[in-house]
Structures are given as C-alpha cells and as structure tokens.
PDB file of N, CA and C in Angstrom:
ATOM      1  N   MET A   1      -5.775  -6.550   5.680  1.00  0.00           N
ATOM      2  CA  MET A   1      -6.076  -7.569   4.695  1.00  0.00           C
ATOM      3  C   MET A   1      -7.584  -7.671   4.552  1.00  0.00           C
ATOM      4  N   CYS A   2      -8.047  -7.853   3.356  1.00  0.00           N
ATOM      5  CA  CYS A   2      -9.465  -8.070   3.100  1.00  0.00           C
ATOM      6  C   CYS A   2      -9.648  -9.496   2.605  1.00  0.00           C
ATOM      7  N   ALA A   3     -10.487 -10.231   3.280  1.00  0.00           N
ATOM      8  CA  ALA A   3     -10.801 -11.584   2.852  1.00  0.00           C
ATOM      9  C   ALA A   3     -11.755 -11.520   1.663  1.00  0.00           C
ATOM     10  N   SER A   4     -12.107 -12.658   1.117  1.00  0.00           N
ATOM     11  CA  SER A   4     -13.016 -12.678  -0.024  1.00  0.00           C
ATOM     12  C   SER A   4     -14.378 -12.099   0.328  1.00  0.00           C
ATOM     13  N   THR A   5     -14.671 -11.989   1.614  1.00  0.00           N
ATOM     14  CA  THR A   5     -15.922 -11.383   2.057  1.00  0.00           C
ATOM     15  C   THR A   5     -15.830  -9.864   2.091  1.00  0.00           C
ATOM     16  N   ALA A   6     -14.661  -9.307   1.762  1.00  0.00           N
ATOM     17  CA  ALA A   6     -14.382  -7.868   1.775  1.00  0.00           C
ATOM     18  C   ALA A   6     -14.365  -7.301   3.189  1.00  0.00           C
ATOM     19  N   LYS A   7     -14.261  -8.147   4.181  1.00  0.00           N
ATOM     20  CA  LYS A   7     -14.142  -7.702   5.571  1.00  0.00           C
ATOM     21  C   LYS A   7     -12.655  -7.516   5.885  1.00  0.00           C
ATOM     22  N   LYS A   8     -12.292  -6.346   6.388  1.00  0.00           N
ATOM     23  CA  LYS A   8     -10.903  -6.078   6.738  1.00  0.00           C
ATOM     24  C   LYS A   8     -10.549  -6.800   8.027  1.00  0.00           C
ATOM     25  N   GLU A   9      -9.353  -7.379   8.048  1.00  0.00           N
ATOM     26  CA  GLU A   9      -8.862  -8.080   9.233  1.00  0.00           C
ATOM     27  C   GLU A   9      -7.417  -7.677   9.488  1.00  0.00           C
ATOM     28  N   LEU A  10      -7.087  -7.408  10.744  1.00  0.00           N
ATOM     29  CA  LEU A  10      -5.711  -7.134  11.124  1.00  0.00           C
ATOM     30  C   LEU A  10      -4.975  -8.466  11.200  1.00  0.00           C
ATOM     31  N   ILE A  11      -3.915  -8.610  10.430  1.00  0.00           N
ATOM     32  CA  ILE A  11      -3.199  -9.888  10.408  1.00  0.00           C
ATOM     33  C   ILE A  11      -1.805  -9.802  11.006  1.00  0.00           C
ATOM     34  N   ALA A  12      -1.286  -8.590  11.164  1.00  0.00           N
ATOM     35  CA  ALA A  12       0.052  -8.456  11.750  1.00  0.00           C
ATOM     36  C   ALA A  12       0.279  -7.015  12.179  1.00  0.00           C
ATOM     37  N   ILE A  13       1.119  -6.886  13.188  1.00  0.00           N
ATOM     38  CA  ILE A  13       1.573  -5.567  13.626  1.00  0.00           C
ATOM     39  C   ILE A  13       2.998  -5.766  14.145  1.00  0.00           C
ATOM     40  N   ALA A  14       3.872  -4.847  13.781  1.00  0.00           N
ATOM     41  CA  ALA A  14       5.268  -4.995  14.179  1.00  0.00           C
ATOM     42  C   ALA A  14       5.942  -3.631  14.214  1.00  0.00           C
ATOM     43  N   ASP A  15       6.978  -3.522  15.037  1.00  0.00           N
ATOM     44  CA  ASP A  15       7.818  -2.335  15.027  1.00  0.00           C
ATOM     45  C   ASP A  15       8.647  -2.352  13.749  1.00  0.00           C
ATOM     46  N   GLY A  16       8.910  -1.196  13.215  1.00  0.00           N
ATOM     47  CA  GLY A  16       9.743  -1.123  12.027  1.00  0.00           C
ATOM     48  C   GLY A  16      10.528   0.164  12.041  1.00  0.00           C
ATOM     49  N   TYR A  17      11.519   0.226  11.180  1.00  0.00           N
ATOM     50  CA  TYR A  17      12.332   1.418  11.090  1.00  0.00           C
ATOM     51  C   TYR A  17      11.932   2.209   9.862  1.00  0.00           C
ATOM     52  N   ARG A  18      11.117   3.245  10.042  1.00  0.00           N
ATOM     53  CA  ARG A  18      10.763   4.213   9.014  1.00  0.00           C
ATOM     54  C   ARG A  18      10.347   3.582   7.693  1.00  0.00           C
ATOM     55  N   GLU A  19       9.523   2.564   7.760  1.00  0.00           N
ATOM     56  CA  GLU A  19       8.998   1.884   6.573  1.00  0.00           C
ATOM     57  C   GLU A  19      10.112   1.342   5.676  1.00  0.00           C
ATOM     58  N   SER A  20      11.175   0.859   6.290  1.00  0.00           N
ATOM     59  CA  SER A  20      12.310   0.347   5.526  1.00  0.00           C
ATOM     60  C   SER A  20      11.972  -0.983   4.857  1.00  0.00           C
ATOM     61  N   THR A  21      12.727  -1.297   3.816  1.00  0.00           N
ATOM     62  CA  THR A  21      12.563  -2.575   3.128  1.00  0.00           C
ATOM     63  C   THR A  21      12.786  -3.727   4.091  1.00  0.00           C
ATOM     64  N   ASP A  22      13.803  -3.638   4.933  1.00  0.00           N
ATOM     65  CA  ASP A  22      14.099  -4.717   5.879  1.00  0.00           C
ATOM     66  C   ASP A  22      12.954  -4.935   6.854  1.00  0.00           C
ATOM     67  N   SER A  23      12.359  -3.860   7.349  1.00  0.00           N
ATOM     68  CA  SER A  23      11.238  -3.986   8.293  1.00  0.00           C
ATOM     69  C   SER A  23      10.035  -4.633   7.624  1.00  0.00           C
ATOM     70  N   TRP A  24       9.698  -4.173   6.420  1.00  0.00           N
ATOM     71  CA  TRP A  24       8.565  -4.767   5.694  1.00  0.00           C
ATOM     72  C   TRP A  24       8.843  -6.217   5.336  1.00  0.00           C
ATOM     73  N   ALA A  25      10.063  -6.515   4.900  1.00  0.00           N
ATOM     74  CA  ALA A  25      10.398  -7.887   4.519  1.00  0.00           C
ATOM     75  C   ALA A  25      10.276  -8.825   5.712  1.00  0.00           C
ATOM     76  N   ALA A  26      10.715  -8.387   6.887  1.00  0.00           N
ATOM     77  CA  ALA A  26      10.604  -9.225   8.085  1.00  0.00           C
ATOM     78  C   ALA A  26       9.142  -9.518   8.401  1.00  0.00           C
ATOM     79  N   LEU A  27       8.285  -8.518   8.303  1.00  0.00           N
ATOM     80  CA  LEU A  27       6.865  -8.723   8.577  1.00  0.00           C
ATOM     81  C   LEU A  27       6.241  -9.668   7.545  1.00  0.00           C
ATOM     82  N   LEU A  28       6.545  -9.453   6.271  1.00  0.00           N
ATOM     83  CA  LEU A  28       5.974 -10.306   5.220  1.00  0.00           C
ATOM     84  C   LEU A  28       6.501 -11.740   5.301  1.00  0.00           C
ATOM     85  N   ARG A  29       7.777 -11.899   5.616  1.00  0.00           N
ATOM     86  CA  ARG A  29       8.328 -13.262   5.782  1.00  0.00           C
ATOM     87  C   ARG A  29       7.670 -13.975   6.952  1.00  0.00           C
ATOM     88  N   ASP A  30       7.395 -13.229   8.028  1.00  0.00           N
ATOM     89  CA  ASP A  30       6.698 -13.821   9.175  1.00  0.00           C
ATOM     90  C   ASP A  30       5.308 -14.316   8.763  1.00  0.00           C
ATOM     91  N   LEU A  31       4.608 -13.538   7.977  1.00  0.00           N
ATOM     92  CA  LEU A  31       3.289 -13.961   7.511  1.00  0.00           C
ATOM     93  C   LEU A  31       3.387 -15.203   6.628  1.00  0.00           C
ATOM     94  N   ARG A  32       4.368 -15.214   5.742  1.00  0.00           N
ATOM     95  CA  ARG A  32       4.568 -16.396   4.882  1.00  0.00           C
ATOM     96  C   ARG A  32       4.928 -17.616   5.728  1.00  0.00           C
ATOM     97  N   HIS A  33       5.764 -17.413   6.736  1.00  0.00           N
ATOM     98  CA  HIS A  33       6.159 -18.506   7.636  1.00  0.00           C
ATOM     99  C   HIS A  33       4.939 -19.075   8.377  1.00  0.00           C
ATOM    100  N   ARG A  34       3.957 -18.211   8.651  1.00  0.00           N
ATOM    101  CA  ARG A  34       2.726 -18.653   9.313  1.00  0.00           C
ATOM    102  C   ARG A  34       1.687 -19.153   8.302  1.00  0.00           C
ATOM    103  N   ASP A  35       2.174 -19.526   7.114  1.00  0.00           N
ATOM    104  CA  ASP A  35       1.372 -20.151   6.053  1.00  0.00           C
ATOM    105  C   ASP A  35       0.365 -19.235   5.378  1.00  0.00           C
ATOM    106  N   MET A  36       0.601 -17.942   5.421  1.00  0.00           N
ATOM    107  CA  MET A  36      -0.261 -17.066   4.641  1.00  0.00           C
ATOM    108  C   MET A  36       0.121 -17.194   3.170  1.00  0.00           C
ATOM    109  N   GLN A  37      -0.875 -17.385   2.335  1.00  0.00           N
ATOM    110  CA  GLN A  37      -0.628 -17.444   0.896  1.00  0.00           C
ATOM    111  C   GLN A  37      -0.396 -16.040   0.363  1.00  0.00           C
ATOM    112  N   ALA A  38       0.220 -15.957  -0.790  1.00  0.00           N
ATOM    113  CA  ALA A  38       0.486 -14.654  -1.398  1.00  0.00           C
ATOM    114  C   ALA A  38      -0.822 -13.930  -1.676  1.00  0.00           C
ATOM    115  N   PRO A  39      -0.916 -12.658  -1.307  1.00  0.00           N
ATOM    116  CA  PRO A  39      -2.107 -11.888  -1.633  1.00  0.00           C
ATOM    117  C   PRO A  39      -2.257 -11.757  -3.153  1.00  0.00           C
ATOM    118  N   VAL A  40      -3.482 -11.665  -3.610  1.00  0.00           N
ATOM    119  CA  VAL A  40      -3.727 -11.473  -5.034  1.00  0.00           C
ATOM    120  C   VAL A  40      -3.261 -10.085  -5.447  1.00  0.00           C
ATOM    121  N   VAL A  41      -3.593  -9.084  -4.636  1.00  0.00           N
ATOM    122  CA  VAL A  41      -3.206  -7.704  -4.928  1.00  0.00           C
ATOM    123  C   VAL A  41      -2.873  -6.992  -3.618  1.00  0.00           C
ATOM    124  N   ALA A  42      -1.898  -6.102  -3.674  1.00  0.00           N
ATOM    125  CA  ALA A  42      -1.554  -5.262  -2.527  1.00  0.00           C
ATOM    126  C   ALA A  42      -1.770  -3.807  -2.933  1.00  0.00           C
ATOM    127  N   VAL A  43      -2.422  -3.052  -2.067  1.00  0.00           N
ATOM    128  CA  VAL A  43      -2.684  -1.639  -2.314  1.00  0.00           C
ATOM    129  C   VAL A  43      -1.895  -0.845  -1.287  1.00  0.00           C
ATOM    130  N   GLY A  44      -1.111   0.113  -1.755  1.00  0.00           N
ATOM    131  CA  GLY A  44      -0.291   0.879  -0.831  1.00  0.00           C
ATOM    132  C   GLY A  44      -0.112   2.316  -1.277  1.00  0.00           C
ATOM    133  N   ASP A  45       0.526   3.091  -0.407  1.00  0.00           N
ATOM    134  CA  ASP A  45       0.659   4.531  -0.622  1.00  0.00           C
ATOM    135  C   ASP A  45       1.909   4.929  -1.391  1.00  0.00           C
ATOM    136  N   GLY A  46       2.677   3.983  -1.839  1.00  0.00           N
ATOM    137  CA  GLY A  46       3.880   4.316  -2.594  1.00  0.00           C
ATOM    138  C   GLY A  46       5.158   4.258  -1.794  1.00  0.00           C
ATOM    139  N   ALA A  47       5.084   3.809  -0.546  1.00  0.00           N
ATOM    140  CA  ALA A  47       6.286   3.669   0.270  1.00  0.00           C
ATOM    141  C   ALA A  47       7.206   2.630  -0.382  1.00  0.00           C
ATOM    142  N   LEU A  48       8.378   3.059  -0.794  1.00  0.00           N
ATOM    143  CA  LEU A  48       9.249   2.191  -1.584  1.00  0.00           C
ATOM    144  C   LEU A  48       9.666   0.931  -0.845  1.00  0.00           C
ATOM    145  N   GLY A  49       9.871   1.014   0.459  1.00  0.00           N
ATOM    146  CA  GLY A  49      10.287  -0.162   1.217  1.00  0.00           C
ATOM    147  C   GLY A  49       9.275  -1.291   1.149  1.00  0.00           C
ATOM    148  N   PHE A  50       8.005  -0.957   1.194  1.00  0.00           N
ATOM    149  CA  PHE A  50       6.956  -1.973   1.126  1.00  0.00           C
ATOM    150  C   PHE A  50       6.976  -2.694  -0.214  1.00  0.00           C
ATOM    151  N   TRP A  51       7.036  -1.930  -1.306  1.00  0.00           N
ATOM    152  CA  TRP A  51       6.971  -2.548  -2.632  1.00  0.00           C
ATOM    153  C   TRP A  51       8.182  -3.427  -2.893  1.00  0.00           C
ATOM    154  N   THR A  52       9.353  -2.989  -2.484  1.00  0.00           N
ATOM    155  CA  THR A  52      10.569  -3.787  -2.679  1.00  0.00           C
ATOM    156  C   THR A  52      10.477  -5.091  -1.898  1.00  0.00           C
ATOM    157  N   ALA A  53      10.034  -5.016  -0.649  1.00  0.00           N
ATOM    158  CA  ALA A  53       9.895  -6.218   0.176  1.00  0.00           C
ATOM    159  C   ALA A  53       8.821  -7.144  -0.377  1.00  0.00           C
ATOM    160  N   LEU A  54       7.710  -6.585  -0.835  1.00  0.00           N
ATOM    161  CA  LEU A  54       6.630  -7.393  -1.399  1.00  0.00           C
ATOM    162  C   LEU A  54       7.118  -8.172  -2.610  1.00  0.00           C
ATOM    163  N   ARG A  55       7.863  -7.508  -3.499  1.00  0.00           N
ATOM    164  CA  ARG A  55       8.386  -8.189  -4.697  1.00  0.00           C
ATOM    165  C   ARG A  55       9.339  -9.314  -4.326  1.00  0.00           C
ATOM    166  N   ASP A  56      10.047  -9.159  -3.217  1.00  0.00           N
ATOM    167  CA  ASP A  56      10.989 -10.187  -2.773  1.00  0.00           C
ATOM    168  C   ASP A  56      10.267 -11.372  -2.130  1.00  0.00           C
ATOM    169  N   VAL A  57       9.308 -11.101  -1.258  1.00  0.00           N
ATOM    170  CA  VAL A  57       8.656 -12.162  -0.480  1.00  0.00           C
ATOM    171  C   VAL A  57       7.479 -12.795  -1.228  1.00  0.00           C
ATOM    172  N   PHE A  58       6.669 -11.987  -1.887  1.00  0.00           N
ATOM    173  CA  PHE A  58       5.504 -12.472  -2.629  1.00  0.00           C
ATOM    174  C   PHE A  58       5.558 -11.929  -4.058  1.00  0.00           C
ATOM    175  N   PRO A  59       6.470 -12.413  -4.895  1.00  0.00           N
ATOM    176  CA  PRO A  59       6.651 -11.836  -6.227  1.00  0.00           C
ATOM    177  C   PRO A  59       5.431 -11.959  -7.141  1.00  0.00           C
ATOM    178  N   GLU A  60       4.542 -12.895  -6.861  1.00  0.00           N
ATOM    179  CA  GLU A  60       3.365 -13.087  -7.709  1.00  0.00           C
ATOM    180  C   GLU A  60       2.229 -12.108  -7.400  1.00  0.00           C
ATOM    181  N   THR A  61       2.335 -11.358  -6.304  1.00  0.00           N
ATOM    182  CA  THR A  61       1.289 -10.414  -5.912  1.00  0.00           C
ATOM    183  C   THR A  61       1.298  -9.193  -6.833  1.00  0.00           C
ATOM    184  N   LYS A  62       0.115  -8.821  -7.307  1.00  0.00           N
ATOM    185  CA  LYS A  62      -0.040  -7.627  -8.137  1.00  0.00           C
ATOM    186  C   LYS A  62       0.010  -6.390  -7.245  1.00  0.00           C
ATOM    187  N   GLU A  63       0.482  -5.284  -7.798  1.00  0.00           N
ATOM    188  CA  GLU A  63       0.611  -4.036  -7.047  1.00  0.00           C
ATOM    189  C   GLU A  63      -0.367  -2.996  -7.573  1.00  0.00           C
ATOM    190  N   GLN A  64      -0.978  -2.265  -6.644  1.00  0.00           N
ATOM    191  CA  GLN A  64      -1.864  -1.169  -7.042  1.00  0.00           C
ATOM    192  C   GLN A  64      -1.617   0.015  -6.126  1.00  0.00           C
ATOM    193  N   ARG A  65      -1.425   1.165  -6.698  1.00  0.00           N
ATOM    194  CA  ARG A  65      -1.225   2.392  -5.930  1.00  0.00           C
ATOM    195  C   ARG A  65      -2.569   2.859  -5.384  1.00  0.00           C
ATOM    196  N   CYS A  66      -2.596   3.280  -4.149  1.00  0.00           N
ATOM    197  CA  CYS A  66      -3.805   3.810  -3.524  1.00  0.00           C
ATOM    198  C   CYS A  66      -4.219   5.085  -4.260  1.00  0.00           C
ATOM    199  N   TRP A  67      -5.465   5.131  -4.743  1.00  0.00           N
ATOM    200  CA  TRP A  67      -5.920   6.281  -5.515  1.00  0.00           C
ATOM    201  C   TRP A  67      -6.005   7.551  -4.681  1.00  0.00           C
ATOM    202  N   VAL A  68      -6.331   7.445  -3.416  1.00  0.00           N
ATOM    203  CA  VAL A  68      -6.401   8.645  -2.572  1.00  0.00           C
ATOM    204  C   VAL A  68      -5.021   9.287  -2.469  1.00  0.00           C
ATOM    205  N   HIS A  69      -4.005   8.474  -2.196  1.00  0.00           N
ATOM    206  CA  HIS A  69      -2.653   9.015  -2.100  1.00  0.00           C
ATOM    207  C   HIS A  69      -2.178   9.540  -3.458  1.00  0.00           C
ATOM    208  N   TYR A  70      -2.515   8.847  -4.518  1.00  0.00           N
ATOM    209  CA  TYR A  70      -2.129   9.273  -5.853  1.00  0.00           C
ATOM    210  C   TYR A  70      -2.715  10.653  -6.169  1.00  0.00           C
ATOM    211  N   GLU A  71      -4.017  10.806  -5.930  1.00  0.00           N
ATOM    212  CA  GLU A  71      -4.681  12.078  -6.214  1.00  0.00           C
ATOM    213  C   GLU A  71      -4.169  13.196  -5.311  1.00  0.00           C
ATOM    214  N   GLU A  72      -3.891  12.892  -4.038  1.00  0.00           N
ATOM    215  CA  GLU A  72      -3.351  13.908  -3.138  1.00  0.00           C
ATOM    216  C   GLU A  72      -2.015  14.437  -3.655  1.00  0.00           C
ATOM    217  N   ARG A  73      -1.158  13.541  -4.127  1.00  0.00           N
ATOM    218  CA  ARG A  73       0.144  13.971  -4.657  1.00  0.00           C
ATOM    219  C   ARG A  73      -0.033  14.798  -5.927  1.00  0.00           C
ATOM    220  N   ARG A  74      -0.952  14.381  -6.773  1.00  0.00           N
ATOM    221  CA  ARG A  74      -1.184  15.099  -8.023  1.00  0.00           C
ATOM    222  C   ARG A  74      -1.684  16.516  -7.735  1.00  0.00           C
ATOM    223  N   ILE A  75      -2.591  16.637  -6.780  1.00  0.00           N
ATOM    224  CA  ILE A  75      -3.142  17.948  -6.426  1.00  0.00           C
ATOM    225  C   ILE A  75      -2.076  18.816  -5.755  1.00  0.00           C
ATOM    226  N   MET A  76      -1.236  18.185  -4.928  1.00  0.00           N
ATOM    227  CA  MET A  76      -0.201  18.936  -4.224  1.00  0.00           C
ATOM    228  C   MET A  76       0.715  19.669  -5.210  1.00  0.00           C
ATOM    229  N   TRP A  77       0.935  19.099  -6.380  1.00  0.00           N
ATOM    230  CA  TRP A  77       1.841  19.706  -7.354  1.00  0.00           C
ATOM    231  C   TRP A  77       1.106  20.531  -8.406  1.00  0.00           C
ATOM    232  N   THR A  78      -0.197  20.731  -8.215  1.00  0.00           N
ATOM    233  CA  THR A  78      -0.993  21.509  -9.164  1.00  0.00           C
ATOM    234  C   THR A  78      -1.238  22.899  -8.597  1.00  0.00           C
ATOM    235  N   THR A  79      -1.127  23.896  -9.438  1.00  0.00           N
ATOM    236  CA  THR A  79      -1.351  25.275  -9.002  1.00  0.00           C
ATOM    237  C   THR A  79      -2.350  25.965  -9.923  1.00  0.00           C
ATOM    238  N   GLY A  80      -2.812  27.107  -9.506  1.00  0.00           N
ATOM    239  CA  GLY A  80      -3.642  27.954 -10.351  1.00  0.00           C
ATOM    240  C   GLY A  80      -5.071  27.463 -10.506  1.00  0.00           C
ATOM    241  N   ASP A  81      -5.673  27.831 -11.634  1.00  0.00           N
ATOM    242  CA  ASP A  81      -7.080  27.536 -11.894  1.00  0.00           C
ATOM    243  C   ASP A  81      -7.380  26.043 -11.975  1.00  0.00           C
ATOM    244  N   SER A  82      -6.429  25.243 -12.410  1.00  0.00           N
ATOM    245  CA  SER A  82      -6.695  23.812 -12.564  1.00  0.00           C
ATOM    246  C   SER A  82      -6.845  23.107 -11.215  1.00  0.00           C
ATOM    247  N   PHE A  83      -6.382  23.718 -10.118  1.00  0.00           N
ATOM    248  CA  PHE A  83      -6.480  23.095  -8.794  1.00  0.00           C
ATOM    249  C   PHE A  83      -7.929  22.829  -8.398  1.00  0.00           C
ATOM    250  N   ASP A  84      -8.817  23.802  -8.566  1.00  0.00           N
ATOM    251  CA  ASP A  84     -10.215  23.649  -8.144  1.00  0.00           C
ATOM    252  C   ASP A  84     -10.882  22.475  -8.839  1.00  0.00           C
ATOM    253  N   GLY A  85     -10.614  22.291 -10.103  1.00  0.00           N
ATOM    254  CA  GLY A  85     -11.209  21.188 -10.851  1.00  0.00           C
ATOM    255  C   GLY A  85     -10.722  19.834 -10.381  1.00  0.00           C
ATOM    256  N   LEU A  86      -9.467  19.745  -9.942  1.00  0.00           N
ATOM    257  CA  LEU A  86      -8.927  18.477  -9.461  1.00  0.00           C
ATOM    258  C   LEU A  86      -9.397  18.148  -8.054  1.00  0.00           C
ATOM    259  N   ALA A  87      -9.498  19.151  -7.201  1.00  0.00           N
ATOM    260  CA  ALA A  87      -9.817  18.906  -5.790  1.00  0.00           C
ATOM    261  C   ALA A  87     -11.296  18.656  -5.551  1.00  0.00           C
ATOM    262  N   ALA A  88     -12.160  19.228  -6.359  1.00  0.00           N
ATOM    263  CA  ALA A  88     -13.615  19.139  -6.113  1.00  0.00           C
ATOM    264  C   ALA A  88     -14.128  17.707  -5.944  1.00  0.00           C
ATOM    265  N   PRO A  89     -13.760  16.748  -6.810  1.00  0.00           N
ATOM    266  CA  PRO A  89     -14.290  15.388  -6.634  1.00  0.00           C
ATOM    267  C   PRO A  89     -13.847  14.727  -5.330  1.00  0.00           C
ATOM    268  N   LEU A  90     -12.682  15.087  -4.816  1.00  0.00           N
ATOM    269  CA  LEU A  90     -12.206  14.481  -3.577  1.00  0.00           C
ATOM    270  C   LEU A  90     -12.917  15.031  -2.358  1.00  0.00           C
ATOM    271  N   VAL A  91     -13.357  16.279  -2.431  1.00  0.00           N
ATOM    272  CA  VAL A  91     -14.017  16.925  -1.305  1.00  0.00           C
ATOM    273  C   VAL A  91     -15.474  16.526  -1.225  1.00  0.00           C
ATOM    274  N   ALA A  92     -16.107  16.298  -2.348  1.00  0.00           N
ATOM    275  CA  ALA A  92     -17.545  15.991  -2.408  1.00  0.00           C
ATOM    276  C   ALA A  92     -17.876  14.684  -1.754  1.00  0.00           C
TER     277      ALA A  92
END
C-alpha cells in the first residue's frame, strides 16, 4: 500500500491458495474489518482472484493493470522483427 506520501507500507500478509478469490477476499475483508478504507486505486498483475475479490469487498476501488506485467505479456506473444522495438524501452 502507498500512503499519500507515496511511501510503501506492508499492511497485511497471509497464507493463500494459489491466488484464489477466496484467499484474496479473506485478506481484504480482514483489512476492512480493521477499519481500512477502500483504496482509491489498486494496481495488480492480472491475477483474476484478486480482481474478483476486490470488486466484492471494495467495489468503489478503481483497477489498474501493472504496466510492467502488461508489457511483458505483450512482448512474450510478439515474434520477429517487431520484438526488438518493443523490448528496447523496457531494457533501457
């Protein structure tokens, strides 16, 4: 979590089953139970369990896909000459 000061803080850690919706929902409900307000935005790697749980527990939170993960997936499915042009900005 990043506070308004942009300082990252660890707010929870829990065992879960393979990033399942139930595991994420339990963690998010615990945070809500401890009076955490809904985050303004959540950034994640596309794990479906997280997004489903987030929509259930904090429906007002905006969702944003992590650009690093997005670009990695896009490059992974790119072949040939266009690969070099896509990968160069990430390596620099």
